[in-house]
C-alpha atoms as a PDB file:
ATOM      1  CA  MET A   1       0.000   0.000   0.000  1.00  0.00           C
ATOM      2  CA  THR A   2       1.262   3.453  -0.796  1.00  0.00           C
ATOM      3  CA  PHE A   3      -0.177   6.724   0.358  1.00  0.00           C
ATOM      4  CA  PRO A   4      -1.396   8.963  -2.481  1.00  0.00           C
ATOM      5  CA  ARG A   5       0.330  11.950  -0.887  1.00  0.00           C
ATOM      6  CA  PHE A   6       3.180  11.603   1.569  1.00  0.00           C
ATOM      7  CA  GLN A   7       4.959  14.441   3.343  1.00  0.00           C
ATOM      8  CA  GLY A   8       8.094  13.516   5.284  1.00  0.00           C
ATOM      9  CA  TYR A   9       9.130  15.531   8.332  1.00  0.00           C
ATOM     10  CA  ALA A  10      12.843  15.229   9.066  1.00  0.00           C
ATOM     11  CA  GLN A  11      15.281  16.982  11.413  1.00  0.00           C
ATOM     12  CA  HIS A  12      14.980  14.873  14.592  1.00  0.00           C
ATOM     13  CA  THR A  13      18.289  13.339  15.672  1.00  0.00           C
ATOM     14  CA  ASN A  14      16.725  10.480  17.661  1.00  0.00           C
ATOM     15  CA  ASP A  15      13.799   8.080  17.442  1.00  0.00           C
ATOM     16  CA  VAL A  16      10.405   9.699  16.981  1.00  0.00           C
ATOM     17  CA  ALA A  17       8.190   8.138  19.658  1.00  0.00           C
ATOM     18  CA  THR A  18       4.976  10.105  19.187  1.00  0.00           C
ATOM     19  CA  VAL A  19       3.083  12.338  16.774  1.00  0.00           C
ATOM     20  CA  ALA A  20      -0.151  14.325  17.118  1.00  0.00           C
ATOM     21  CA  PHE A  21      -2.369  16.373  14.812  1.00  0.00           C
ATOM     22  CA  SER A  22      -3.901  19.676  15.871  1.00  0.00           C
ATOM     23  CA  PRO A  23      -7.724  19.542  16.075  1.00  0.00           C
ATOM     24  CA  ASP A  24      -8.113  21.385  12.766  1.00  0.00           C
ATOM     25  CA  GLY A  25      -5.437  19.266  11.061  1.00  0.00           C
ATOM     26  CA  SER A  26      -3.297  22.260  10.104  1.00  0.00           C
ATOM     27  CA  LEU A  27      -0.364  21.237  12.329  1.00  0.00           C
ATOM     28  CA  VAL A  28       1.424  18.044  13.250  1.00  0.00           C
ATOM     29  CA  ALA A  29       3.768  17.736  16.225  1.00  0.00           C
ATOM     30  CA  SER A  30       6.470  15.104  16.590  1.00  0.00           C
ATOM     31  CA  GLY A  31       8.365  14.117  19.721  1.00  0.00           C
ATOM     32  CA  ALA A  32      11.701  12.317  19.842  1.00  0.00           C
ATOM     33  CA  GLY A  33      14.354  11.441  22.356  1.00  0.00           C
ATOM     34  CA  GLY A  34      17.090   9.137  23.479  1.00  0.00           C
ATOM     35  CA  TRP A  35      19.564   8.443  26.219  1.00  0.00           C
ATOM     36  CA  ASP A  36      22.422  10.374  24.688  1.00  0.00           C
ATOM     37  CA  ASP A  37      23.639  13.612  26.238  1.00  0.00           C
ATOM     38  CA  GLY A  38      23.789  15.355  22.883  1.00  0.00           C
ATOM     39  CA  GLY A  39      20.430  17.064  23.122  1.00  0.00           C
ATOM     40  CA  GLY A  40      18.669  14.513  20.969  1.00  0.00           C
ATOM     41  CA  SER A  41      15.247  14.983  22.542  1.00  0.00           C
ATOM     42  CA  SER A  42      12.967  17.475  20.890  1.00  0.00           C
ATOM     43  CA  ILE A  43       9.431  18.405  19.993  1.00  0.00           C
ATOM     44  CA  LYS A  44       8.796  19.932  16.601  1.00  0.00           C
ATOM     45  CA  ILE A  45       5.635  21.549  15.264  1.00  0.00           C
ATOM     46  CA  TRP A  46       5.098  21.469  11.495  1.00  0.00           C
ATOM     47  CA  ARG A  47       2.558  22.998   9.142  1.00  0.00           C
ATOM     48  CA  THR A  48       0.817  20.143   7.320  1.00  0.00           C
ATOM     49  CA  THR A  49       0.084  21.982   4.078  1.00  0.00           C
ATOM     50  CA  ASP A  50       3.719  22.426   3.081  1.00  0.00           C
ATOM     51  CA  GLY A  51       5.860  20.706   5.743  1.00  0.00           C
ATOM     52  CA  THR A  52       7.313  23.955   7.100  1.00  0.00           C
ATOM     53  CA  LEU A  53       8.917  23.591  10.538  1.00  0.00           C
ATOM     54  CA  LEU A  54       7.301  26.260  12.733  1.00  0.00           C
ATOM     55  CA  HIS A  55       8.826  25.568  16.163  1.00  0.00           C
ATOM     56  CA  THR A  56      11.373  23.383  17.907  1.00  0.00           C
ATOM     57  CA  LEU A  57      10.409  23.243  21.571  1.00  0.00           C
ATOM     58  CA  GLU A  58      13.342  23.440  23.965  1.00  0.00           C
ATOM     59  CA  GLY A  59      13.472  21.740  27.364  1.00  0.00           C
ATOM     60  CA  ALA A  60      11.375  18.742  26.384  1.00  0.00           C
ATOM     61  CA  GLY A  61      13.258  16.297  28.645  1.00  0.00           C
ATOM     62  CA  ILE A  62      15.383  13.312  27.733  1.00  0.00           C
ATOM     63  CA  TRP A  63      12.632  11.286  26.081  1.00  0.00           C
ATOM     64  CA  VAL A  64       9.277  12.523  24.786  1.00  0.00           C
ATOM     65  CA  LEU A  65       6.690   9.777  25.305  1.00  0.00           C
ATOM     66  CA  ASP A  66       3.416  11.354  24.176  1.00  0.00           C
ATOM     67  CA  LEU A  67       1.895  14.543  22.781  1.00  0.00           C
ATOM     68  CA  ALA A  68      -1.636  15.942  22.685  1.00  0.00           C
ATOM     69  CA  PHE A  69      -3.066  19.187  21.355  1.00  0.00           C
ATOM     70  CA  SER A  70      -5.699  20.940  23.462  1.00  0.00           C
ATOM     71  CA  PRO A  71      -9.161  20.916  21.830  1.00  0.00           C
ATOM     72  CA  ASP A  72      -8.840  24.619  20.946  1.00  0.00           C
ATOM     73  CA  GLY A  73      -5.404  23.976  19.384  1.00  0.00           C
ATOM     74  CA  LYS A  74      -3.723  26.671  21.489  1.00  0.00           C
ATOM     75  CA  HIS A  75      -1.606  24.333  23.623  1.00  0.00           C
ATOM     76  CA  LEU A  76       0.479  21.246  23.026  1.00  0.00           C
ATOM     77  CA  THR A  77       0.962  18.996  26.018  1.00  0.00           C
ATOM     78  CA  SER A  78       3.903  16.619  26.306  1.00  0.00           C
ATOM     79  CA  THR A  79       4.981  13.962  28.734  1.00  0.00           C
ATOM     80  CA  GLY A  80       8.398  12.441  29.095  1.00  0.00           C
ATOM     81  CA  ARG A  81      11.415  11.688  31.214  1.00  0.00           C
ATOM     82  CA  ASP A  82      13.471  14.563  32.535  1.00  0.00           C
ATOM     83  CA  ARG A  83      17.041  15.162  31.425  1.00  0.00           C
ATOM     84  CA  ASP A  84      18.250  16.317  34.855  1.00  0.00           C
ATOM     85  CA  ASN A  85      16.599  13.403  36.680  1.00  0.00           C
ATOM     86  CA  PRO A  86      15.918  10.425  34.377  1.00  0.00           C
ATOM     87  CA  ASN A  87      13.803   8.785  37.109  1.00  0.00           C
ATOM     88  CA  ALA A  88      11.368  11.721  37.097  1.00  0.00           C
ATOM     89  CA  TYR A  89       8.572  12.327  34.632  1.00  0.00           C
ATOM     90  CA  SER A  90       6.696  15.510  33.926  1.00  0.00           C
ATOM     91  CA  ILE A  91       3.846  16.940  31.913  1.00  0.00           C
ATOM     92  CA  ARG A  92       4.638  20.148  30.041  1.00  0.00           C
ATOM     93  CA  PHE A  93       2.208  22.631  28.504  1.00  0.00           C
ATOM     94  CA  TRP A  94       3.486  24.566  25.474  1.00  0.00           C
ATOM     95  CA  ARG A  95       1.931  27.565  23.748  1.00  0.00           C
ATOM     96  CA  VAL A  96       1.539  26.600  20.074  1.00  0.00           C
ATOM     97  CA  SER A  97       1.658  30.167  18.722  1.00  0.00           C
ATOM     98  CA  ASP A  98       5.279  30.758  19.764  1.00  0.00           C
ATOM     99  CA  GLY A  99       6.537  27.437  21.183  1.00  0.00           C
ATOM    100  CA  GLU A 100       7.028  28.804  24.706  1.00  0.00           C
ATOM    101  CA  LEU A 101       6.749  26.564  27.778  1.00  0.00           C
ATOM    102  CA  GLU A 102       3.821  27.813  29.883  1.00  0.00           C
ATOM    103  CA  ALA A 103       3.644  25.273  32.687  1.00  0.00           C
ATOM    104  CA  GLU A 104       5.321  22.116  33.931  1.00  0.00           C
ATOM    105  CA  TYR A 105       4.084  19.549  36.428  1.00  0.00           C
ATOM    106  CA  ASP A 106       6.443  17.018  37.976  1.00  0.00           C
ATOM    107  CA  TYR A 107       5.052  13.553  38.520  1.00  0.00           C
ATOM    108  CA  GLY A 108       8.131  12.261  40.333  1.00  0.00           C
ATOM    109  CA  PRO A 109       6.177  10.158  42.860  1.00  0.00           C
ATOM    110  CA  TYR A 110       5.057   7.920  40.015  1.00  0.00           C
ATOM    111  CA  THR A 111       8.313   6.069  39.499  1.00  0.00           C
ATOM    112  CA  TYR A 112       7.066   4.494  36.292  1.00  0.00           C
ATOM    113  CA  GLY A 113       6.013   7.840  34.927  1.00  0.00           C
ATOM    114  CA  VAL A 114       3.323   9.444  32.855  1.00  0.00           C
ATOM    115  CA  ARG A 115       3.326   7.440  29.628  1.00  0.00           C
ATOM    116  CA  ALA A 116       0.291   8.679  27.689  1.00  0.00           C
ATOM    117  CA  LEU A 117      -2.085  11.637  27.675  1.00  0.00           C
ATOM    118  CA  GLU A 118      -5.202  12.813  25.878  1.00  0.00           C
ATOM    119  CA  TYR A 119      -7.618  15.731  26.135  1.00  0.00           C
ATOM    120  CA  ALA A 120     -11.363  15.236  26.360  1.00  0.00           C
ATOM    121  CA  PRO A 121     -12.890  16.491  23.081  1.00  0.00           C
ATOM    122  CA  MET A 122     -15.044  19.049  24.909  1.00  0.00           C
ATOM    123  CA  GLY A 123     -11.963  20.438  26.666  1.00  0.00           C
ATOM    124  CA  GLY A 124     -11.355  21.160  30.306  1.00  0.00           C
ATOM    125  CA  VAL A 125      -9.957  17.780  31.327  1.00  0.00           C
ATOM    126  CA  LEU A 126      -6.831  15.805  30.545  1.00  0.00           C
ATOM    127  CA  ALA A 127      -6.466  12.048  31.019  1.00  0.00           C
ATOM    128  CA  PHE A 128      -3.077  10.447  31.431  1.00  0.00           C
ATOM    129  CA  GLY A 129      -1.777   6.922  31.849  1.00  0.00           C
ATOM    130  CA  LEU A 130       0.877   5.969  34.357  1.00  0.00           C
ATOM    131  CA  GLY A 131       3.456   3.210  34.243  1.00  0.00           C
ATOM    132  CA  THR A 132       1.974   1.932  37.510  1.00  0.00           C
ATOM    133  CA  GLY A 133      -1.095   0.527  35.737  1.00  0.00           C
ATOM    134  CA  GLU A 134      -3.265   3.501  36.672  1.00  0.00           C
ATOM    135  CA  ALA A 135      -5.011   6.179  34.678  1.00  0.00           C
ATOM    136  CA  ALA A 136      -5.759   9.644  36.041  1.00  0.00           C
ATOM    137  CA  VAL A 137      -8.037  12.452  34.973  1.00  0.00           C
ATOM    138  CA  ALA A 138      -7.204  16.055  35.876  1.00  0.00           C
ATOM    139  CA  ILE A 139      -8.504  19.460  34.951  1.00  0.00           C
ATOM    140  CA  ASP A 140      -6.715  21.335  32.195  1.00  0.00           C
ATOM    141  CA  PRO A 141      -4.663  24.097  33.885  1.00  0.00           C
ATOM    142  CA  PHE A 142      -5.726  26.587  31.222  1.00  0.00           C
ATOM    143  CA  HIS A 143      -9.389  26.320  32.213  1.00  0.00           C
ATOM    144  CA  CYS A 144     -10.935  27.474  35.489  1.00  0.00           C
ATOM    145  CA  PRO A 145      -9.849  25.233  38.365  1.00  0.00           C
ATOM    146  CA  ALA A 146     -12.559  23.299  40.172  1.00  0.00           C
ATOM    147  CA  ASP A 147     -12.703  21.120  43.289  1.00  0.00           C
ATOM    148  CA  PHE A 148     -13.670  17.894  41.536  1.00  0.00           C
ATOM    149  CA  ASN A 149     -12.386  15.564  44.244  1.00  0.00           C
ATOM    150  CA  SER A 150     -14.069  17.484  47.111  1.00  0.00           C
ATOM    151  CA  ASP A 151     -10.886  17.952  49.115  1.00  0.00           C
ATOM    152  CA  GLY A 152     -11.616  21.613  49.791  1.00  0.00           C
ATOM    153  CA  SER A 153      -8.969  23.000  47.430  1.00  0.00           C
ATOM    154  CA  THR A 154      -9.010  24.105  43.821  1.00  0.00           C
ATOM    155  CA  ASP A 155      -5.535  23.116  42.710  1.00  0.00           C
ATOM    156  CA  THR A 156      -4.617  23.656  39.095  1.00  0.00           C
ATOM    157  CA  LEU A 157      -4.343  19.913  38.609  1.00  0.00           C
ATOM    158  CA  ASP A 158      -7.112  18.784  40.951  1.00  0.00           C
ATOM    159  CA  VAL A 159      -7.215  15.042  40.481  1.00  0.00           C
ATOM    160  CA  LEU A 160     -10.627  13.727  39.538  1.00  0.00           C
ATOM    161  CA  ALA A 161     -10.053  10.021  39.875  1.00  0.00           C
ATOM    162  CA  PHE A 162      -7.484   7.273  39.750  1.00  0.00           C
ATOM    163  CA  LEU A 163      -8.570   4.190  37.907  1.00  0.00           C
ATOM    164  CA  ASN A 164      -6.998   0.767  38.033  1.00  0.00           C
ATOM    165  CA  ALA A 165      -6.071  -0.716  34.713  1.00  0.00           C
ATOM    166  CA  TRP A 166      -7.138  -4.263  34.032  1.00  0.00           C
ATOM    167  CA  ASN A 167      -6.640  -6.925  31.409  1.00  0.00           C
ATOM    168  CA  THR A 168      -9.843  -7.600  29.475  1.00  0.00           C
ATOM    169  CA  GLY A 169      -8.417 -10.691  27.805  1.00  0.00           C
ATOM    170  CA  CYS A 170      -8.905  -9.310  24.294  1.00  0.00           C
END
């Protein structure tokens, strides 16, 4: 099988582990990384119509594991291992318009790290999978915080629920 139209996106120096389309399909982001100390990890945002590289996001960690665009397309969220502490994982929120890092949340207590993430289509919440076999749902920090777990606080990442993962046998 061959694709009728194929646009290659080069310029990463390590394995590309994840890609994501913006909600309107006008952008594609790619995330790469590796264990070398040569700065091989990166996130790149490309225009899909002509393959133009718009941004290379700096400070993405040592290995980018997953990417997700916010439903409004204004933010790109990444998860990965940190360069300074390879046993720590974090979620980073990037502004798509200029590639600037807007927020970072360390999930160091989860020794197996945040491996996957996805926004709810209606916006406002972000789900992420952990290497511990759990999934978590949290509010998007760029929406109004709410006390979803009834702990009396309205933290930016107020955890909604932790769910155990199970094997369905399929």
